[in-house]
Protein backbone atom coordinates (compact mmCIF):
# COMPACT_ATOMS: atom_id res chain seq x y z
CA UNK A 1 -42.02 -22.05 6.40
CA UNK A 2 -42.05 -20.23 9.77
CA UNK A 3 -39.85 -17.34 10.88
CA UNK A 4 -37.49 -19.64 12.81
CA UNK A 5 -36.69 -21.53 9.63
CA UNK A 6 -36.07 -18.17 7.95
CA UNK A 7 -33.46 -17.25 10.58
CA UNK A 8 -31.84 -20.70 10.45
CA UNK A 9 -31.38 -20.45 6.68
CA UNK A 10 -29.92 -16.96 6.98
CA UNK A 11 -27.51 -17.83 9.80
CA UNK A 12 -26.23 -20.86 7.87
CA UNK A 13 -24.54 -18.54 5.36
CA UNK A 14 -20.79 -18.00 5.67
CA UNK A 15 -20.48 -14.30 4.91
CA UNK A 16 -22.44 -11.11 4.58
CA UNK A 17 -22.90 -11.11 0.81
CA UNK A 18 -24.36 -14.63 0.74
CA UNK A 19 -26.32 -13.84 3.91
CA UNK A 20 -28.01 -10.86 2.25
CA UNK A 21 -28.72 -12.92 -0.86
CA UNK A 22 -30.21 -15.71 1.25
CA UNK A 23 -32.28 -13.20 3.21
CA UNK A 24 -33.81 -11.78 0.06
CA UNK A 25 -34.53 -15.21 -1.42
CA UNK A 26 -36.01 -16.44 1.84
CA UNK A 27 -38.27 -13.42 2.14
CA UNK A 28 -39.50 -14.01 -1.39
CA UNK A 29 -40.46 -17.52 -0.35
CA UNK A 30 -42.02 -16.23 2.87
CA UNK A 31 -44.10 -13.87 0.78
CA UNK A 32 -45.89 -16.83 -0.75
CA UNK A 33 -47.90 -17.25 2.41
CA UNK A 34 -49.33 -13.79 1.74
CA UNK A 35 -49.81 -14.66 -1.95
CA UNK A 36 -47.57 -11.81 -3.08
CA UNK A 37 -46.99 -11.70 -6.81
CA UNK A 38 -44.02 -9.36 -6.56
CA UNK A 39 -41.48 -8.55 -3.85
CA UNK A 40 -38.78 -5.87 -4.03
CA UNK A 41 -36.26 -4.35 -1.65
CA UNK A 42 -35.01 -0.76 -1.91
CA UNK A 43 -32.09 0.85 -0.09
CA UNK A 44 -31.89 4.54 0.77
CA UNK A 45 -28.95 6.81 0.00
CA UNK A 46 -28.26 10.45 -0.77
CA UNK A 47 -29.53 9.98 -4.31
CA UNK A 48 -32.91 8.59 -3.19
CA UNK A 49 -34.24 5.04 -3.33
CA UNK A 50 -32.36 2.33 -5.19
CA UNK A 51 -33.73 -1.14 -5.92
CA UNK A 52 -31.47 -3.96 -4.75
CA UNK A 53 -33.63 -6.82 -6.00
CA UNK A 54 -37.13 -7.38 -7.40
CA UNK A 55 -38.68 -10.75 -8.16
CA UNK A 56 -42.02 -12.30 -8.95
CA UNK A 57 -43.45 -15.27 -7.08
CA UNK A 58 -42.60 -17.46 -10.08
CA UNK A 59 -38.94 -16.53 -9.61
CA UNK A 60 -38.55 -14.07 -12.51
CA UNK A 61 -36.38 -11.01 -11.97
CA UNK A 62 -38.16 -7.72 -12.60
CA UNK A 63 -35.90 -5.42 -14.58
CA UNK A 64 -35.87 -2.52 -14.57
CA UNK A 65 -38.03 -2.56 -11.40
CA UNK A 66 -38.69 1.19 -11.53
CA UNK A 67 -40.64 0.60 -14.72
CA UNK A 68 -43.24 -1.64 -13.06
CA UNK A 69 -43.29 -0.67 -9.38
CA UNK A 70 -45.00 2.52 -8.07
CA UNK A 71 -41.79 4.32 -7.10
CA UNK A 72 -43.62 7.33 -5.65
CA UNK A 73 -45.19 5.06 -3.04
CA UNK A 74 -41.75 3.69 -2.11
CA UNK A 75 -40.29 7.21 -1.95
CA UNK A 76 -43.10 8.41 0.34
CA UNK A 77 -42.48 5.52 2.74
CA UNK A 78 -38.74 6.24 2.65
CA UNK A 79 -39.38 9.88 3.60
CA UNK A 80 -42.10 9.34 6.21
CA UNK A 81 -41.00 6.06 7.75
CA UNK A 82 -44.64 4.94 7.81
CA UNK A 83 -46.16 1.77 6.36
CA UNK A 84 -48.40 2.27 3.32
CA UNK A 85 -51.00 -0.18 2.01
CA UNK A 86 -53.18 0.68 -0.97
CA UNK A 87 -54.63 -0.51 -4.23
CA UNK A 88 -52.60 0.46 -7.27
CA UNK A 89 -52.66 -0.05 -11.01
CA UNK A 90 -49.44 -1.57 -12.29
CA UNK A 91 -47.88 -0.71 -15.64
CA UNK A 92 -49.69 -2.28 -18.57
CA UNK A 93 -46.59 -4.09 -19.84
CA UNK A 94 -45.99 -5.89 -16.52
CA UNK A 95 -47.29 -8.98 -18.32
CA UNK A 96 -44.05 -9.06 -20.25
CA UNK A 97 -42.33 -9.98 -16.98
CA UNK A 98 -44.85 -12.59 -15.91
CA UNK A 99 -48.00 -13.42 -17.93
CA UNK A 100 -50.06 -14.25 -14.84
CA UNK A 101 -49.48 -10.85 -13.28
CA UNK A 102 -52.73 -8.98 -12.59
CA UNK A 103 -52.80 -5.34 -13.61
CA UNK A 104 -54.56 -4.15 -10.41
CA UNK A 105 -52.69 -4.99 -7.22
CA UNK A 106 -52.88 -4.61 -3.46
CA UNK A 107 -49.54 -2.92 -2.71
CA UNK A 108 -47.73 -2.84 0.63
CA UNK A 109 -44.56 -0.88 1.48
CA UNK A 110 -42.82 -1.45 4.83
CA UNK A 111 -39.87 0.74 5.95
CA UNK A 112 -36.77 -0.71 7.59
CA UNK A 113 -35.62 1.63 10.36
CA UNK A 114 -32.07 1.46 11.73
CA UNK A 115 -30.90 3.85 14.48
CA UNK A 116 -33.92 6.06 13.91
CA UNK A 117 -33.31 6.36 10.16
CA UNK A 118 -35.05 4.62 7.27
CA UNK A 119 -32.41 2.34 5.74
CA UNK A 120 -34.60 0.46 3.30
CA UNK A 121 -38.12 -0.26 2.06
CA UNK A 122 -39.73 -3.64 1.36
CA UNK A 123 -42.42 -3.62 -1.34
CA UNK A 124 -44.99 -6.42 -1.83
CA UNK A 125 -48.02 -6.63 -4.09
CA UNK A 126 -50.68 -9.25 -4.84
CA UNK A 127 -53.63 -9.56 -7.16
CA UNK A 128 -56.63 -7.30 -6.56
CA UNK A 129 -58.75 -10.46 -6.67
CA UNK A 130 -57.20 -11.46 -3.33
CA UNK A 131 -58.07 -9.77 -0.03
CA UNK A 132 -56.11 -6.65 0.89
CA UNK A 133 -53.28 -7.05 3.42
CA UNK A 134 -54.78 -7.33 6.90
CA UNK A 135 -53.28 -5.68 9.98
CA UNK A 136 -52.22 -9.12 11.22
CA UNK A 137 -50.39 -9.90 7.97
CA UNK A 138 -48.74 -6.48 7.94
CA UNK A 139 -47.52 -6.87 11.52
CA UNK A 140 -46.17 -10.37 10.86
CA UNK A 141 -44.33 -9.27 7.72
CA UNK A 142 -43.01 -6.20 9.52
CA UNK A 143 -41.60 -8.36 12.33
CA UNK A 144 -40.01 -10.80 9.89
CA UNK A 145 -38.40 -8.02 7.85
CA UNK A 146 -37.23 -6.29 11.02
CA UNK A 147 -35.59 -9.44 12.36
CA UNK A 148 -33.96 -10.19 9.01
CA UNK A 149 -32.62 -6.63 8.83
CA UNK A 150 -31.25 -6.90 12.38
CA UNK A 151 -29.44 -10.13 11.53
CA UNK A 152 -27.85 -8.57 8.48
CA UNK A 153 -26.87 -5.39 10.37
CA UNK A 154 -25.26 -7.41 13.16
CA UNK A 155 -23.34 -9.50 10.66
CA UNK A 156 -22.22 -6.36 8.82
CA UNK A 157 -20.92 -4.87 12.08
CA UNK A 158 -19.06 -8.08 12.90
CA UNK A 159 -17.44 -8.12 9.46
CA UNK A 160 -16.46 -4.45 9.82
CA UNK A 161 -14.93 -5.16 13.22
CA UNK A 162 -13.07 -8.15 11.81
CA UNK A 163 -11.77 -5.98 8.97
CA UNK A 164 -10.56 -3.38 11.48
CA UNK A 165 -8.84 -6.10 13.52
CA UNK A 166 -7.18 -7.54 10.41
CA UNK A 167 -6.06 -4.06 9.35
CA UNK A 168 -4.66 -3.32 12.82
CA UNK A 169 -2.81 -6.66 12.78
CA UNK A 170 -1.32 -5.85 9.38
CA UNK A 171 -0.24 -2.42 10.63
CA UNK A 172 1.51 -3.98 13.64
CA UNK A 173 3.30 -6.45 11.38
CA UNK A 174 4.24 -3.63 9.00
CA UNK A 175 5.66 -1.51 11.83
CA UNK A 176 7.61 -4.48 13.16
CA UNK A 177 9.51 -4.81 9.91
CA UNK A 178 9.86 -1.07 9.33
CA UNK A 179 7.07 -0.39 6.81
CA UNK A 180 5.17 2.64 8.11
CA UNK A 181 1.66 3.63 7.03
CA UNK A 182 -1.96 2.55 7.08
CA UNK A 183 -3.06 3.91 3.71
CA UNK A 184 -5.13 1.28 1.84
CA UNK A 185 -2.48 1.07 -0.89
CA UNK A 186 0.14 0.18 1.74
CA UNK A 187 -2.10 -2.41 3.40
CA UNK A 188 -2.76 -4.00 -0.01
CA UNK A 189 0.96 -3.99 -0.75
CA UNK A 190 1.76 -5.60 2.60
CA UNK A 191 -0.85 -8.32 2.08
CA UNK A 192 0.80 -9.04 -1.28
CA UNK A 193 4.22 -9.18 0.41
CA UNK A 194 2.90 -11.78 2.85
CA UNK A 195 1.65 -13.94 -0.01
CA UNK A 196 4.88 -13.69 -1.99
CA UNK A 197 7.01 -14.35 1.10
CA UNK A 198 5.59 -17.87 1.28
CA UNK A 199 6.94 -18.95 -2.11
CA UNK A 200 10.55 -19.05 -3.40
CA UNK A 201 9.84 -17.31 -6.72
CA UNK A 202 11.81 -14.31 -7.96
CA UNK A 203 10.13 -10.99 -7.15
CA UNK A 204 10.43 -7.62 -8.89
CA UNK A 205 9.83 -4.49 -6.80
CA UNK A 206 9.01 -1.34 -8.75
CA UNK A 207 8.80 2.17 -7.35
CA UNK A 208 10.26 5.64 -7.49
CA UNK A 209 13.51 6.48 -5.73
CA UNK A 210 13.09 6.81 -1.98
CA UNK A 211 9.83 4.87 -1.70
CA UNK A 212 11.42 2.11 0.39
CA UNK A 213 12.05 -0.71 -2.07
CA UNK A 214 14.79 -2.25 0.09
CA UNK A 215 12.43 -2.24 3.09
CA UNK A 216 9.94 -4.18 0.97
CA UNK A 217 12.64 -6.66 -0.04
CA UNK A 218 13.62 -7.05 3.61
CA UNK A 219 9.97 -7.67 4.47
CA UNK A 220 9.84 -10.50 1.92
CA UNK A 221 12.88 -11.97 3.67
CA UNK A 222 11.63 -11.50 7.24
CA UNK A 223 8.19 -12.92 6.52
CA UNK A 224 9.62 -15.94 4.71
CA UNK A 225 11.25 -19.03 6.19
CA UNK A 226 14.93 -18.57 5.40
CA UNK A 227 17.97 -20.06 7.12
CA UNK A 228 20.44 -17.94 5.18
CA UNK A 229 21.16 -14.19 5.30
CA UNK A 230 19.69 -11.18 3.52
CA UNK A 231 22.36 -9.62 1.29
CA UNK A 232 21.85 -6.58 -0.90
CA UNK A 233 23.78 -5.08 -3.79
CA UNK A 234 23.21 -1.97 -5.88
CA UNK A 235 23.81 -2.99 -9.48
CA UNK A 236 24.76 0.55 -10.40
CA UNK A 237 27.46 0.87 -7.74
CA UNK A 238 29.76 -1.90 -9.04
CA UNK A 239 32.09 -1.51 -12.00
CA UNK A 240 30.70 -3.52 -14.94
CA UNK A 241 33.93 -5.52 -15.33
CA UNK A 242 33.74 -6.56 -11.66
CA UNK A 243 30.03 -7.31 -11.52
CA UNK A 244 30.28 -10.95 -12.59
CA UNK A 245 32.94 -11.71 -9.98
CA UNK A 246 30.94 -9.83 -7.34
CA UNK A 247 27.80 -11.85 -8.01
CA UNK A 248 29.17 -15.27 -8.90
CA UNK A 249 32.64 -15.28 -7.33
CA UNK A 250 35.96 -16.32 -8.85
CA UNK A 251 38.68 -18.91 -8.46
CA UNK A 252 42.31 -18.25 -7.66
CA UNK A 253 44.31 -17.08 -10.67
CA UNK A 254 41.29 -16.41 -12.87
CA UNK A 255 42.45 -12.81 -13.44
CA UNK A 256 45.13 -10.43 -12.22
CA UNK A 257 44.59 -9.85 -8.52
CA UNK A 258 42.62 -13.05 -7.95
CA UNK A 259 44.99 -14.32 -5.26
CA UNK A 260 42.51 -16.78 -3.76
CA UNK A 261 39.10 -18.32 -4.31
CA UNK A 262 36.34 -15.86 -3.46
CA UNK A 263 32.64 -16.71 -3.19
CA UNK A 264 30.19 -14.33 -4.83
CA UNK A 265 27.02 -12.86 -3.37
CA UNK A 266 24.92 -15.75 -4.68
CA UNK A 267 26.94 -18.14 -2.53
CA UNK A 268 27.04 -15.80 0.46
CA UNK A 269 23.24 -15.55 0.36
CA UNK A 270 22.82 -19.34 0.15
CA UNK A 271 19.45 -20.40 1.65
CA UNK A 272 18.60 -16.73 2.04
CA UNK A 273 17.71 -13.73 -0.13
CA UNK A 274 19.90 -11.75 -2.52
CA UNK A 275 18.46 -8.29 -3.17
CA UNK A 276 19.57 -6.75 -6.47
CA UNK A 277 18.72 -3.06 -6.29
CA UNK A 278 18.62 -0.82 -9.37
CA UNK A 279 18.43 -3.81 -11.71
CA UNK A 280 17.94 -1.45 -14.64
CA UNK A 281 21.59 -0.39 -14.32
CA UNK A 282 22.87 -3.94 -14.95
CA UNK A 283 24.75 -4.31 -18.28
CA UNK A 284 22.89 -6.36 -20.89
CA UNK A 285 25.58 -9.07 -21.06
CA UNK A 286 25.17 -9.64 -17.31
CA UNK A 287 21.41 -9.78 -17.77
CA UNK A 288 21.90 -12.88 -19.92
CA UNK A 289 23.95 -14.55 -17.18
CA UNK A 290 21.43 -13.58 -14.51
CA UNK A 291 18.54 -14.98 -16.56
CA UNK A 292 20.39 -18.28 -16.97
CA UNK A 293 20.94 -18.47 -13.21
CA UNK A 294 17.28 -17.72 -12.48
CA UNK A 295 16.17 -20.47 -14.84
CA UNK A 296 18.57 -23.26 -13.87
CA UNK A 297 19.61 -22.37 -10.30
CA UNK A 298 23.32 -22.58 -11.14
CA UNK A 299 26.18 -20.10 -11.12
CA UNK A 300 29.52 -20.24 -12.90
CA UNK A 301 32.27 -18.48 -10.91
CA UNK A 302 34.84 -16.63 -13.00
CA UNK A 303 37.57 -19.09 -14.01
CA UNK A 304 35.74 -22.16 -12.69
CA UNK A 305 35.51 -25.33 -14.76
CA UNK A 306 32.15 -26.48 -13.39
CA UNK A 307 28.94 -24.66 -12.44
CA UNK A 308 27.74 -24.63 -8.84
CA UNK A 309 24.18 -25.16 -7.64
CA UNK A 310 22.75 -22.41 -5.43
CA UNK A 311 19.58 -22.14 -3.39
CA UNK A 312 19.24 -18.38 -3.22
CA UNK A 313 16.04 -16.42 -3.67
CA UNK A 314 16.39 -13.34 -5.84
CA UNK A 315 14.46 -10.14 -5.17
CA UNK A 316 15.08 -7.33 -7.68
CA UNK A 317 14.14 -3.67 -7.62
CA UNK A 318 14.18 -0.77 -10.03
CA UNK A 319 12.85 2.76 -10.35
CA UNK A 320 13.04 2.57 -14.13
CA UNK A 321 10.38 1.65 -16.69
CA UNK A 322 11.75 -1.70 -17.86
CA UNK A 323 9.30 -1.88 -20.78
CA UNK A 324 10.66 1.41 -22.13
CA UNK A 325 14.21 0.18 -21.55
CA UNK A 326 13.39 -2.91 -23.62
CA UNK A 327 12.08 -0.67 -26.41
CA UNK A 328 15.28 1.40 -26.19
CA UNK A 329 17.45 -1.73 -26.34
CA UNK A 330 18.82 -1.23 -22.83
CA UNK A 331 17.12 -4.17 -21.13
CA UNK A 332 16.48 -7.71 -22.30
CA UNK A 333 12.85 -8.55 -22.90
CA UNK A 334 13.32 -12.21 -21.93
CA UNK A 335 14.56 -11.15 -18.49
CA UNK A 336 11.71 -8.65 -18.11
CA UNK A 337 9.21 -11.37 -19.01
CA UNK A 338 10.84 -13.67 -16.44
CA UNK A 339 10.51 -11.03 -13.72
CA UNK A 340 7.17 -9.38 -14.39
CA UNK A 341 4.99 -12.26 -13.14
CA UNK A 342 5.44 -11.46 -9.45
CA UNK A 343 5.67 -7.70 -9.10
CA UNK A 344 5.24 -5.47 -6.07
CA UNK A 345 4.54 -1.81 -6.83
CA UNK A 346 5.50 0.59 -4.05
CA UNK A 347 3.21 3.66 -4.06
CA UNK A 348 4.84 7.11 -4.11
CA UNK A 349 4.39 9.25 -1.02
CA UNK A 350 2.25 11.83 -2.83
CA UNK A 351 -0.34 9.08 -3.46
CA UNK A 352 -0.61 8.24 0.25
CA UNK A 353 -0.44 11.62 1.95
CA UNK A 354 -2.50 10.38 4.89
CA UNK A 355 0.62 8.46 5.99
CA UNK A 356 2.76 11.62 6.25
CA UNK A 357 1.82 12.45 9.90
CA UNK A 358 2.61 8.87 10.96
CA UNK A 359 5.93 8.97 9.12
CA UNK A 360 6.79 12.31 10.73
CA UNK A 361 6.14 10.86 14.19
CA UNK A 362 8.35 7.88 13.33
CA UNK A 363 11.24 10.05 12.13
CA UNK A 364 10.95 12.40 15.11
CA UNK A 365 11.24 9.44 17.46
CA UNK A 366 14.15 8.02 15.45
CA UNK A 367 16.22 11.21 15.52
CA UNK A 368 15.27 12.06 19.09
CA UNK A 369 16.99 8.81 20.08
CA UNK A 370 19.90 9.31 17.68
CA UNK A 371 20.64 12.94 18.56
CA UNK A 372 19.47 12.99 22.19
CA UNK A 373 16.67 15.47 21.45
CA UNK A 374 13.16 15.78 22.88
CA UNK A 375 10.89 16.95 20.06
CA UNK A 376 7.22 16.11 20.52
CA UNK A 377 5.69 16.86 17.13
CA UNK A 378 5.36 19.30 14.24
CA UNK A 379 3.33 22.43 14.82
CA UNK A 380 0.14 22.60 12.71
CA UNK A 381 1.69 25.13 10.32
CA UNK A 382 4.69 22.86 9.84
CA UNK A 383 2.46 19.86 9.22
CA UNK A 384 0.63 21.86 6.53
CA UNK A 385 3.98 22.46 4.83
CA UNK A 386 5.05 18.81 4.73
CA UNK A 387 1.56 17.73 3.67
CA UNK A 388 1.68 20.09 0.68
CA UNK A 389 5.07 19.00 -0.72
CA UNK A 390 5.15 16.76 -3.80
CA UNK A 391 8.17 14.59 -2.83
CA UNK A 392 9.02 13.88 -6.46
CA UNK A 393 12.76 13.86 -5.79
CA UNK A 394 12.95 11.36 -2.94
CA UNK A 395 9.57 10.33 -1.54
CA UNK A 396 9.87 8.91 2.00
CA UNK A 397 13.64 9.37 2.01
CA UNK A 398 13.14 13.03 1.11
CA UNK A 399 10.64 13.48 3.96
CA UNK A 400 13.10 11.84 6.37
CA UNK A 401 15.89 14.21 5.35
CA UNK A 402 13.55 17.19 5.73
CA UNK A 403 12.57 16.15 9.27
CA UNK A 404 16.18 15.36 10.22
CA UNK A 405 17.38 18.74 8.96
CA UNK A 406 14.59 20.60 10.73
CA UNK A 407 15.39 18.87 14.02
CA UNK A 408 19.07 19.83 13.73
CA UNK A 409 18.41 23.52 13.08
CA UNK A 410 15.15 24.09 15.01
CA UNK A 411 15.38 26.68 17.80
CA UNK A 412 12.26 25.47 19.61
CA UNK A 413 13.35 22.48 21.75
CA UNK A 414 9.92 20.81 21.73
CA UNK A 415 8.12 21.48 18.46
CA UNK A 416 9.23 21.65 14.83
CA UNK A 417 8.16 24.88 13.15
CA UNK A 418 7.96 25.63 9.44
CA UNK A 419 11.19 27.69 9.55
CA UNK A 420 13.58 24.92 8.46
CA UNK A 421 11.36 22.56 6.50
CA UNK A 422 12.21 23.76 3.01
CA UNK A 423 15.29 22.07 1.56
CA UNK A 424 18.00 24.32 0.15
CA UNK A 425 17.96 24.88 -3.61
CA UNK A 426 21.77 24.86 -3.75
CA UNK A 427 22.02 21.21 -2.73
CA UNK A 428 25.04 20.68 -4.97
CA UNK A 429 26.80 23.90 -4.01
CA UNK A 430 30.55 23.41 -3.62
CA UNK A 431 31.17 24.10 0.04
CA UNK A 432 34.91 23.76 -0.35
CA UNK A 433 35.87 26.45 -2.82
CA UNK A 434 39.54 27.21 -1.98
CA UNK A 435 39.21 30.85 -3.00
CA UNK A 436 36.72 31.46 -0.20
CA UNK A 437 38.85 30.37 2.78
CA UNK A 438 41.29 33.25 2.85
CA UNK A 439 45.04 33.43 2.08
CA UNK A 440 47.26 30.42 2.67
CA UNK A 441 49.56 30.39 5.70
CA UNK A 442 53.09 31.40 4.63
CA UNK A 443 55.04 30.32 7.71
CA UNK A 444 55.76 26.94 9.28
CA UNK A 445 56.59 23.51 7.97
CA UNK A 446 54.85 21.89 5.04
CA UNK A 447 52.77 19.71 7.37
CA UNK A 448 51.81 22.68 9.57
CA UNK A 449 50.82 24.81 6.60
CA UNK A 450 48.83 21.99 4.97
CA UNK A 451 47.19 21.20 8.30
CA UNK A 452 46.06 24.80 8.70
CA UNK A 453 44.74 24.81 5.15
CA UNK A 454 42.83 21.54 5.71
CA UNK A 455 41.30 22.90 8.93
CA UNK A 456 40.22 26.10 7.14
CA UNK A 457 38.77 24.06 4.29
CA UNK A 458 36.74 21.92 6.70
CA UNK A 459 35.47 24.98 8.61
CA UNK A 460 34.45 26.70 5.39
CA UNK A 461 32.57 23.64 4.12
CA UNK A 462 30.70 23.27 7.42
CA UNK A 463 29.79 26.97 7.49
CA UNK A 464 28.52 26.88 3.91
CA UNK A 465 26.48 23.81 4.79
CA UNK A 466 24.98 25.71 7.77
CA UNK A 467 26.38 23.14 10.18
CA UNK A 468 25.18 20.12 8.22
CA UNK A 469 28.27 17.90 8.37
CA UNK A 470 26.82 15.32 6.02
CA UNK A 471 26.39 17.95 3.35
CA UNK A 472 29.87 19.34 4.06
CA UNK A 473 31.35 15.86 3.77
CA UNK A 474 29.68 15.32 0.39
CA UNK A 475 30.74 18.73 -0.91
CA UNK A 476 34.38 17.86 -0.17
CA UNK A 477 34.08 14.43 -1.75
CA UNK A 478 35.27 12.67 1.41
CA UNK A 479 34.20 9.35 2.85
CA UNK A 480 32.51 9.42 6.25
CA UNK A 481 35.53 7.78 7.94
CA UNK A 482 38.04 10.23 6.41
CA UNK A 483 35.85 13.26 7.09
CA UNK A 484 35.36 12.57 10.80
CA UNK A 485 39.00 11.54 11.19
CA UNK A 486 40.03 14.96 9.85
CA UNK A 487 37.56 16.71 12.16
CA UNK A 488 39.10 14.95 15.17
CA UNK A 489 42.64 15.66 13.99
CA UNK A 490 41.98 19.38 13.64
CA UNK A 491 39.84 19.74 16.77
CA UNK A 492 36.61 20.43 14.90
CA UNK A 493 34.52 17.49 16.14
């Protein structure tokens, strides 16, 4: 076998791991021409030399190699980077590895040098009865090992570059559908999303509040081939007695107020995806109905005589521990078993802190466009603050609210400082306490007096919320439409 056949056999391998394996096996065979009885390869790391493989000419693995090979010789070559060739006495029990092994050996250690550093050491030995390794043999072996090492290094670099390209491609796809971050856990999650998007099976998304479970569900929809819409529903936001009608629809006259046939969300999401958020809040009797629908692909609208076939993919999400809920009798085990096969776990923000700067940049850009601002970034001190938070109350959503709030109150027009990054502790403070808005107006018509009171109430809530209208709106228990309508009516917008 010549060196060209060596390279051909190595290059015929499909990936780095098999290429390295083939290289080692081929070198063992090449060593036969030098009558080597043992060949070993050592890598170098911070802990010293480590044997990757050791084999006799007969094909037996030598284990543990450190017990039979003169490690000091290998270590000296690793430190000096110089070839060593000498006669050595092998361990007496080497015959247990291969009976034909001679105790006295001509040993040869050749360093592999990459970028000026010793990256590995090849060790060969043959019987003392044979001639010692000549300069010609040493040079030939050195050249072969060097070329093999170069081939492996080049392949490793190509695979690393391909990995970087694949990662960059995944990040671009993630950003396109609104999933921000390049932490390995997020890349793994996105790769799983891509796999699950290709099949119509039901998916369960698990993660803490604020981690972005609906974004993940939307990604499953966007990366899949669906003709229908993406429709979402929070199972905890619908009255239990209305949930069945909301999901499956009803026919005219099926109950008081059913003035006409109404399709449910399963029908509205036909040929698309229905996202059921907070599945753990669904009543157990509805869980039975949902399980039946998942298994047979049929729904039974309230009051209908016949079931209807639907082609709707279901994606569920919960922040709860469904196993514990089963143990507590609050969730059906048969439904949990049906869902747990295809699960996507969304990592909490505290477990992927390296994504926080990227998320901050994303939110700054988002609210610059929304509010007409021109913030560039967080100052280093501010970044230290957001990097040190635990985000146990809201994860990514919590970070978004923190950045939004800071941008609203920040005095510096270009950079966010640490001054407004801490959320208020009195988040549930009642901003509309009537006793705090002064005495009621005693003159004027009823409408005038009530109008003045309403205006004072709104002003007080906004002041107590430090200008945060969203917080003021929540403290007064008003809907967004009603709140802003009142602001316009009383000239407070």
